[in-house]
C-alpha atoms as a PDB file:
ATOM      1  CA  MET A   1      51.976  43.723  30.310  1.00  0.00           C
ATOM      2  CA  LYS A   2      55.623  43.104  30.945  1.00  0.00           C
ATOM      3  CA  LYS A   3      56.629  45.370  28.097  1.00  0.00           C
ATOM      4  CA  ILE A   4      54.354  48.116  29.464  1.00  0.00           C
ATOM      5  CA  PHE A   5      55.794  48.062  32.949  1.00  0.00           C
ATOM      6  CA  PHE A   6      59.370  46.964  32.560  1.00  0.00           C
ATOM      7  CA  MET A   7      60.912  47.836  29.124  1.00  0.00           C
ATOM      8  CA  ALA A   8      60.691  49.896  26.003  1.00  0.00           C
ATOM      9  CA  LEU A   9      62.419  48.177  23.082  1.00  0.00           C
ATOM     10  CA  ILE A  10      64.261  50.602  20.700  1.00  0.00           C
ATOM     11  CA  LEU A  11      64.323  49.313  17.177  1.00  0.00           C
ATOM     12  CA  GLY A  12      67.382  49.831  15.027  1.00  0.00           C
ATOM     13  CA  LEU A  13      70.859  51.404  15.669  1.00  0.00           C
ATOM     14  CA  LEU A  14      69.803  54.514  13.757  1.00  0.00           C
ATOM     15  CA  LEU A  15      66.851  55.078  16.107  1.00  0.00           C
ATOM     16  CA  VAL A  16      69.125  54.486  19.128  1.00  0.00           C
ATOM     17  CA  THR A  17      71.470  57.268  17.766  1.00  0.00           C
ATOM     18  CA  MET A  18      68.626  59.630  17.273  1.00  0.00           C
ATOM     19  CA  LEU A  19      67.252  59.048  20.783  1.00  0.00           C
ATOM     20  CA  GLY A  20      70.628  59.023  22.544  1.00  0.00           C
ATOM     21  CA  CYS A  21      69.962  62.125  24.565  1.00  0.00           C
ATOM     22  CA  GLU A  22      66.504  60.925  25.531  1.00  0.00           C
ATOM     23  CA  THR A  23      67.757  57.538  26.787  1.00  0.00           C
ATOM     24  CA  LYS A  24      70.718  58.859  28.778  1.00  0.00           C
ATOM     25  CA  ALA A  25      68.679  59.123  31.991  1.00  0.00           C
ATOM     26  CA  GLU A  26      67.392  55.596  31.494  1.00  0.00           C
ATOM     27  CA  ASP A  27      70.907  54.238  30.894  1.00  0.00           C
ATOM     28  CA  GLU A  28      72.058  55.943  34.091  1.00  0.00           C
ATOM     29  CA  LYS A  29      69.234  54.339  35.948  1.00  0.00           C
ATOM     30  CA  ASP A  30      70.056  50.930  34.350  1.00  0.00           C
ATOM     31  CA  ASN A  31      73.707  51.277  35.344  1.00  0.00           C
ATOM     32  CA  SER A  32      72.744  52.091  38.907  1.00  0.00           C
ATOM     33  CA  SER A  33      70.556  48.994  38.923  1.00  0.00           C
ATOM     34  CA  ILE A  34      73.484  46.928  37.699  1.00  0.00           C
ATOM     35  CA  ASN A  35      75.756  48.258  40.388  1.00  0.00           C
ATOM     36  CA  ASN A  36      73.183  47.424  43.069  1.00  0.00           C
ATOM     37  CA  HIS A  37      72.766  43.907  41.623  1.00  0.00           C
ATOM     38  CA  THR A  38      76.430  43.015  41.377  1.00  0.00           C
ATOM     39  CA  VAL A  39      77.280  43.922  45.018  1.00  0.00           C
ATOM     40  CA  GLN A  40      74.526  41.765  46.502  1.00  0.00           C
ATOM     41  CA  LYS A  41      75.769  39.523  49.301  1.00  0.00           C
ATOM     42  CA  ILE A  42      75.731  35.768  48.977  1.00  0.00           C
ATOM     43  CA  TYR A  43      73.083  34.203  51.187  1.00  0.00           C
ATOM     44  CA  LYS A  44      74.214  31.157  53.092  1.00  0.00           C
ATOM     45  CA  VAL A  45      71.406  28.664  53.658  1.00  0.00           C
ATOM     46  CA  PRO A  46      71.070  27.659  57.296  1.00  0.00           C
ATOM     47  CA  ILE A  47      72.305  24.098  57.840  1.00  0.00           C
ATOM     48  CA  GLU A  48      68.873  22.866  58.924  1.00  0.00           C
ATOM     49  CA  LYS A  49      67.359  24.155  55.680  1.00  0.00           C
ATOM     50  CA  ILE A  50      69.854  22.642  53.240  1.00  0.00           C
ATOM     51  CA  LYS A  51      68.266  20.036  50.998  1.00  0.00           C
ATOM     52  CA  LYS A  52      69.124  17.856  47.989  1.00  0.00           C
ATOM     53  CA  GLN A  53      66.096  19.122  46.226  1.00  0.00           C
ATOM     54  CA  TYR A  54      64.302  22.444  46.862  1.00  0.00           C
ATOM     55  CA  SER A  55      60.623  23.069  46.170  1.00  0.00           C
ATOM     56  CA  ILE A  56      59.115  26.410  44.982  1.00  0.00           C
ATOM     57  CA  GLU A  57      58.000  26.969  48.605  1.00  0.00           C
ATOM     58  CA  ASP A  58      61.532  26.254  49.826  1.00  0.00           C
ATOM     59  CA  PHE A  59      62.958  28.718  47.376  1.00  0.00           C
ATOM     60  CA  ASN A  60      60.412  31.405  48.283  1.00  0.00           C
ATOM     61  CA  GLU A  61      61.435  31.156  51.926  1.00  0.00           C
ATOM     62  CA  LEU A  62      65.159  31.409  51.031  1.00  0.00           C
ATOM     63  CA  TYR A  63      64.443  34.240  48.607  1.00  0.00           C
ATOM     64  CA  THR A  64      62.689  36.233  51.300  1.00  0.00           C
ATOM     65  CA  GLU A  65      65.748  35.923  53.526  1.00  0.00           C
ATOM     66  CA  TYR A  66      68.060  36.790  50.634  1.00  0.00           C
ATOM     67  CA  LEU A  67      66.082  40.015  50.056  1.00  0.00           C
ATOM     68  CA  LYS A  68      66.289  40.887  53.745  1.00  0.00           C
ATOM     69  CA  LEU A  69      70.051  40.289  53.797  1.00  0.00           C
ATOM     70  CA  ASN A  70      70.498  42.717  50.850  1.00  0.00           C
ATOM     71  CA  ASN A  71      68.007  45.228  52.044  1.00  0.00           C
ATOM     72  CA  ILE A  72      65.937  44.807  48.875  1.00  0.00           C
ATOM     73  CA  ASP A  73      62.323  45.857  48.997  1.00  0.00           C
ATOM     74  CA  ILE A  74      60.297  44.028  46.299  1.00  0.00           C
ATOM     75  CA  LYS A  75      56.563  43.422  46.292  1.00  0.00           C
ATOM     76  CA  THR A  76      56.395  39.616  46.098  1.00  0.00           C
ATOM     77  CA  SER A  77      52.735  38.788  45.964  1.00  0.00           C
ATOM     78  CA  ALA A  78      49.609  39.532  44.068  1.00  0.00           C
ATOM     79  CA  GLU A  79      48.132  41.164  47.198  1.00  0.00           C
ATOM     80  CA  ASP A  80      50.700  43.987  46.897  1.00  0.00           C
ATOM     81  CA  ASP A  81      50.061  44.620  43.174  1.00  0.00           C
ATOM     82  CA  LYS A  82      49.027  48.117  42.218  1.00  0.00           C
ATOM     83  CA  THR A  83      49.244  47.885  38.443  1.00  0.00           C
ATOM     84  CA  GLY A  84      45.554  47.264  37.879  1.00  0.00           C
ATOM     85  CA  MET A  85      46.018  43.751  36.506  1.00  0.00           C
ATOM     86  CA  SER A  86      43.071  41.395  36.839  1.00  0.00           C
ATOM     87  CA  LYS A  87      43.199  38.789  39.623  1.00  0.00           C
ATOM     88  CA  GLU A  88      43.703  36.049  37.032  1.00  0.00           C
ATOM     89  CA  ASP A  89      46.710  37.870  35.503  1.00  0.00           C
ATOM     90  CA  GLN A  90      48.124  38.615  38.920  1.00  0.00           C
ATOM     91  CA  LEU A  91      48.150  34.879  39.778  1.00  0.00           C
ATOM     92  CA  LYS A  92      50.023  34.176  36.549  1.00  0.00           C
ATOM     93  CA  TYR A  93      52.458  36.996  36.950  1.00  0.00           C
ATOM     94  CA  TYR A  94      53.505  36.602  40.597  1.00  0.00           C
ATOM     95  CA  THR A  95      55.066  33.196  40.175  1.00  0.00           C
ATOM     96  CA  ILE A  96      58.426  31.442  40.577  1.00  0.00           C
ATOM     97  CA  SER A  97      59.711  28.621  38.418  1.00  0.00           C
ATOM     98  CA  ASP A  98      62.450  25.976  38.614  1.00  0.00           C
ATOM     99  CA  ILE A  99      64.217  26.534  35.308  1.00  0.00           C
ATOM    100  CA  THR A 100      67.104  24.006  35.808  1.00  0.00           C
ATOM    101  CA  PRO A 101      67.820  22.063  32.625  1.00  0.00           C
ATOM    102  CA  GLU A 102      68.266  18.339  33.094  1.00  0.00           C
ATOM    103  CA  ASN A 103      71.926  18.356  31.923  1.00  0.00           C
ATOM    104  CA  VAL A 104      72.701  21.111  34.474  1.00  0.00           C
ATOM    105  CA  LYS A 105      71.062  19.229  37.269  1.00  0.00           C
ATOM    106  CA  LYS A 106      72.907  16.055  36.364  1.00  0.00           C
ATOM    107  CA  GLU A 107      76.397  17.561  35.709  1.00  0.00           C
ATOM    108  CA  ILE A 108      76.513  20.234  38.462  1.00  0.00           C
ATOM    109  CA  GLY A 109      73.819  19.303  40.956  1.00  0.00           C
ATOM    110  CA  CYS A 110      72.523  22.816  41.397  1.00  0.00           C
ATOM    111  CA  GLN A 111      69.035  24.225  41.109  1.00  0.00           C
ATOM    112  CA  ILE A 112      68.113  27.489  39.289  1.00  0.00           C
ATOM    113  CA  PHE A 113      64.936  29.366  39.925  1.00  0.00           C
ATOM    114  CA  LYS A 114      63.551  32.350  38.147  1.00  0.00           C
ATOM    115  CA  VAL A 115      61.283  34.943  39.719  1.00  0.00           C
ATOM    116  CA  ASN A 116      58.750  35.691  36.997  1.00  0.00           C
ATOM    117  CA  TYR A 117      57.727  39.155  38.149  1.00  0.00           C
ATOM    118  CA  THR A 118      61.312  40.515  38.282  1.00  0.00           C
ATOM    119  CA  CYS A 119      62.895  38.244  35.621  1.00  0.00           C
ATOM    120  CA  GLU A 120      65.846  37.688  38.000  1.00  0.00           C
ATOM    121  CA  SER A 121      67.383  34.196  38.377  1.00  0.00           C
ATOM    122  CA  TYR A 122      69.123  32.529  41.308  1.00  0.00           C
ATOM    123  CA  VAL A 123      71.297  29.442  41.784  1.00  0.00           C
ATOM    124  CA  ILE A 124      71.234  27.256  44.845  1.00  0.00           C
ATOM    125  CA  TYR A 125      74.388  25.138  45.231  1.00  0.00           C
ATOM    126  CA  LYS A 126      75.839  23.464  48.244  1.00  0.00           C
ATOM    127  CA  GLY A 127      73.971  25.603  50.713  1.00  0.00           C
ATOM    128  CA  GLU A 128      74.561  28.907  49.048  1.00  0.00           C
ATOM    129  CA  PHE A 129      72.258  31.248  47.094  1.00  0.00           C
ATOM    130  CA  PHE A 130      73.624  33.247  44.182  1.00  0.00           C
ATOM    131  CA  PRO A 131      72.064  35.713  41.664  1.00  0.00           C
ATOM    132  CA  ILE A 132      72.931  35.191  37.974  1.00  0.00           C
ATOM    133  CA  GLY A 133      72.385  37.388  34.999  1.00  0.00           C
ATOM    134  CA  PHE A 134      70.233  40.506  35.146  1.00  0.00           C
ATOM    135  CA  GLY A 135      66.627  41.068  34.223  1.00  0.00           C
ATOM    136  CA  PHE A 136      65.704  44.664  34.944  1.00  0.00           C
ATOM    137  CA  GLY A 137      63.590  45.826  31.950  1.00  0.00           C
ATOM    138  CA  GLY A 138      64.300  42.680  29.891  1.00  0.00           C
ATOM    139  CA  TYR A 139      63.781  38.924  29.890  1.00  0.00           C
ATOM    140  CA  GLY A 140      66.609  37.979  32.333  1.00  0.00           C
ATOM    141  CA  VAL A 141      68.117  34.516  31.734  1.00  0.00           C
ATOM    142  CA  VAL A 142      66.889  33.074  28.506  1.00  0.00           C
ATOM    143  CA  THR A 143      69.097  29.989  27.921  1.00  0.00           C
ATOM    144  CA  LEU A 144      71.672  28.198  30.050  1.00  0.00           C
ATOM    145  CA  THR A 145      73.809  25.097  29.867  1.00  0.00           C
ATOM    146  CA  THR A 146      77.169  23.769  31.290  1.00  0.00           C
ATOM    147  CA  CYS A 147      80.725  24.660  30.328  1.00  0.00           C
ATOM    148  CA  ASP A 148      84.270  24.002  31.528  1.00  0.00           C
ATOM    149  CA  PHE A 149      86.558  26.620  30.088  1.00  0.00           C
ATOM    150  CA  ASP A 150      89.280  26.211  32.743  1.00  0.00           C
ATOM    151  CA  GLU A 151      89.193  22.413  32.397  1.00  0.00           C
ATOM    152  CA  ASP A 152      89.364  21.890  36.101  1.00  0.00           C
ATOM    153  CA  GLY A 153      86.752  19.080  36.041  1.00  0.00           C
ATOM    154  CA  GLN A 154      84.136  21.274  37.745  1.00  0.00           C
ATOM    155  CA  LYS A 155      81.326  22.117  35.336  1.00  0.00           C
ATOM    156  CA  ASP A 156      80.282  25.759  35.385  1.00  0.00           C
ATOM    157  CA  LEU A 157      77.265  27.614  33.997  1.00  0.00           C
ATOM    158  CA  ILE A 158      77.110  29.625  30.767  1.00  0.00           C
ATOM    159  CA  TYR A 159      73.926  31.538  29.935  1.00  0.00           C
ATOM    160  CA  THR A 160      72.379  34.314  27.930  1.00  0.00           C
ATOM    161  CA  PHE A 161      70.278  37.086  29.414  1.00  0.00           C
ATOM    162  CA  SER A 162      68.799  40.394  28.475  1.00  0.00           C
ATOM    163  CA  TRP A 163      67.948  43.597  30.310  1.00  0.00           C
ATOM    164  CA  GLY A 164      67.534  47.384  29.733  1.00  0.00           C
ATOM    165  CA  SER A 165      64.539  49.555  30.301  1.00  0.00           C
ATOM    166  CA  GLY A 166      65.765  52.205  27.884  1.00  0.00           C
ATOM    167  CA  LEU A 167      67.854  50.089  25.504  1.00  0.00           C
ATOM    168  CA  HIS A 168      67.444  46.340  25.187  1.00  0.00           C
ATOM    169  CA  ARG A 169      70.802  44.543  25.686  1.00  0.00           C
ATOM    170  CA  SER A 170      71.701  40.883  25.562  1.00  0.00           C
ATOM    171  CA  HIS A 171      74.813  39.393  27.251  1.00  0.00           C
ATOM    172  CA  ILE A 172      76.610  36.136  27.899  1.00  0.00           C
ATOM    173  CA  GLY A 173      77.363  35.247  31.548  1.00  0.00           C
ATOM    174  CA  ILE A 174      79.476  32.516  33.153  1.00  0.00           C
ATOM    175  CA  PHE A 175      79.142  31.406  36.736  1.00  0.00           C
ATOM    176  CA  ASP A 176      82.318  29.745  38.077  1.00  0.00           C
ATOM    177  CA  PHE A 177      81.371  27.374  40.966  1.00  0.00           C
ATOM    178  CA  SER A 178      84.998  27.025  42.126  1.00  0.00           C
ATOM    179  CA  GLU A 179      85.366  30.737  42.506  1.00  0.00           C
ATOM    180  CA  LYS A 180      81.720  31.418  43.355  1.00  0.00           C
ATOM    181  CA  LYS A 181      81.916  34.291  40.871  1.00  0.00           C
ATOM    182  CA  GLU A 182      79.913  35.536  37.960  1.00  0.00           C
ATOM    183  CA  THR A 183      81.596  37.071  34.878  1.00  0.00           C
ATOM    184  CA  TRP A 184      79.922  38.869  31.998  1.00  0.00           C
ATOM    185  CA  LEU A 185      81.788  38.250  28.777  1.00  0.00           C
ATOM    186  CA  ASP A 186      82.887  41.117  26.595  1.00  0.00           C
ATOM    187  CA  PHE A 187      79.984  40.972  24.250  1.00  0.00           C
ATOM    188  CA  VAL A 188      76.674  42.817  23.872  1.00  0.00           C
ATOM    189  CA  GLN A 189      73.900  42.402  21.289  1.00  0.00           C
ATOM    190  CA  LEU A 190      71.661  45.443  21.037  1.00  0.00           C
ATOM    191  CA  ASN A 191      67.896  45.287  20.420  1.00  0.00           C
ATOM    192  CA  GLU A 192      67.889  41.483  20.049  1.00  0.00           C
ATOM    193  CA  ASP A 193      68.003  38.476  22.319  1.00  0.00           C
ATOM    194  CA  ILE A 194      70.641  35.722  21.887  1.00  0.00           C
ATOM    195  CA  VAL A 195      70.909  31.964  22.467  1.00  0.00           C
ATOM    196  CA  LEU A 196      73.786  29.548  22.683  1.00  0.00           C
ATOM    197  CA  GLU A 197      74.581  26.462  20.646  1.00  0.00           C
ATOM    198  CA  LYS A 198      76.968  24.159  22.543  1.00  0.00           C
ATOM    199  CA  LEU A 199      79.665  22.434  20.397  1.00  0.00           C
ATOM    200  CA  SER A 200      81.721  21.294  23.354  1.00  0.00           C
ATOM    201  CA  ASP A 201      82.426  22.294  26.983  1.00  0.00           C
ATOM    202  CA  SER A 202      84.675  25.063  25.734  1.00  0.00           C
ATOM    203  CA  ILE A 203      83.222  26.097  22.410  1.00  0.00           C
ATOM    204  CA  PHE A 204      79.823  27.768  21.785  1.00  0.00           C
ATOM    205  CA  ASN A 205      78.063  29.500  18.881  1.00  0.00           C
ATOM    206  CA  VAL A 206      75.958  32.603  19.638  1.00  0.00           C
ATOM    207  CA  TYR A 207      72.798  33.250  17.599  1.00  0.00           C
ATOM    208  CA  THR A 208      70.295  36.067  17.559  1.00  0.00           C
ATOM    209  CA  THR A 209      66.819  34.814  18.160  1.00  0.00           C
ATOM    210  CA  ASP A 210      63.136  35.739  18.145  1.00  0.00           C
ATOM    211  CA  LEU A 211      61.425  35.117  21.441  1.00  0.00           C
ATOM    212  CA  GLU A 212      57.783  34.461  22.035  1.00  0.00           C
ATOM    213  CA  LEU A 213      56.095  33.763  25.307  1.00  0.00           C
ATOM    214  CA  LYS A 214      54.593  30.292  25.517  1.00  0.00           C
ATOM    215  CA  GLU A 215      51.988  31.590  27.869  1.00  0.00           C
ATOM    216  CA  LYS A 216      50.785  35.129  28.587  1.00  0.00           C
ATOM    217  CA  LEU A 217      52.692  36.808  31.399  1.00  0.00           C
ATOM    218  CA  ASN A 218      55.070  33.825  31.816  1.00  0.00           C
ATOM    219  CA  TYR A 219      58.627  35.018  31.399  1.00  0.00           C
ATOM    220  CA  THR A 220      60.243  31.646  32.173  1.00  0.00           C
ATOM    221  CA  ARG A 221      59.187  29.630  29.099  1.00  0.00           C
ATOM    222  CA  TYR A 222      59.800  30.856  25.531  1.00  0.00           C
ATOM    223  CA  ILE A 223      59.384  29.712  21.954  1.00  0.00           C
ATOM    224  CA  ILE A 224      62.919  30.324  20.588  1.00  0.00           C
ATOM    225  CA  ALA A 225      63.621  30.798  16.923  1.00  0.00           C
ATOM    226  CA  PRO A 226      67.434  31.200  16.232  1.00  0.00           C
ATOM    227  CA  LYS A 227      68.123  33.450  13.298  1.00  0.00           C
ATOM    228  CA  LYS A 228      71.710  34.380  12.594  1.00  0.00           C
ATOM    229  CA  ILE A 229      75.089  33.293  14.134  1.00  0.00           C
ATOM    230  CA  VAL A 230      76.790  36.458  15.416  1.00  0.00           C
ATOM    231  CA  ALA A 231      79.701  35.266  17.608  1.00  0.00           C
ATOM    232  CA  LYS A 232      81.667  32.282  18.864  1.00  0.00           C
ATOM    233  CA  VAL A 233      82.733  31.733  22.454  1.00  0.00           C
ATOM    234  CA  ILE A 234      85.969  29.731  22.955  1.00  0.00           C
ATOM    235  CA  ALA A 235      88.695  29.216  25.592  1.00  0.00           C
ATOM    236  CA  LYS A 236      92.160  30.373  24.341  1.00  0.00           C
ATOM    237  CA  ARG A 237      95.277  30.372  26.378  1.00  0.00           C
ATOM    238  CA  GLY A 238      93.463  30.050  29.676  1.00  0.00           C
ATOM    239  CA  SER A 239      90.982  32.799  28.996  1.00  0.00           C
ATOM    240  CA  VAL A 240      87.460  32.935  27.508  1.00  0.00           C
ATOM    241  CA  GLU A 241      87.150  35.003  24.354  1.00  0.00           C
ATOM    242  CA  VAL A 242      84.112  36.069  22.289  1.00  0.00           C
ATOM    243  CA  THR A 243      84.766  36.504  18.611  1.00  0.00           C
ATOM    244  CA  PRO A 244      82.088  38.524  16.738  1.00  0.00           C
ATOM    245  CA  LEU A 245      81.258  37.170  13.293  1.00  0.00           C
ATOM    246  CA  LYS A 246      80.359  39.308  10.308  1.00  0.00           C
END
């Protein structure tokens, strides 16, 4: 269902070249979506609503306020669904999950939630609400863990995510908690998803992977099967570099 409504995967670089003219409009639409996503305002959680641990219900309330702040109109419940899905599928599809890995929770103290029906992910940290990655037409955040490339003692997030309604693209993102800023590294894998292998806080291997949903219409839990190492992420001279591997 997700593939029908949100993405069309294009297999092979040759096919991408052949369809270049046909996908131009889709790429322009995708780029417009990215621009809208990256300029979203940070939502500051009201003091009386700040908690050590947020429930799905808590997140949903904050998410609603975040959407209002950024003038985003998204249908957020099964009652608004017009796709023709069955009631059973709607209940599976219109869900939100806490996807925070245990090591992230322990080392950073943040919580990360993923909205299943948009494949967008959000971090709540010290009373602030941030978007990470991008999910339009793809899977959104697939894997995430901690890093410390600047060696300032504050652990940050590194994650892989995919998007693209016309052309499936996978990227690596870093969220710096000191700067409250997301950076997309200079790397893209076309037509495949990617996952990270952590070697240390500043060195990571990047693998292509096959993804399979563990449950129908649930885009927060995957069966991951790494295939081939395609790049290495490492901090050099104070900056983060991605080295593609042949």
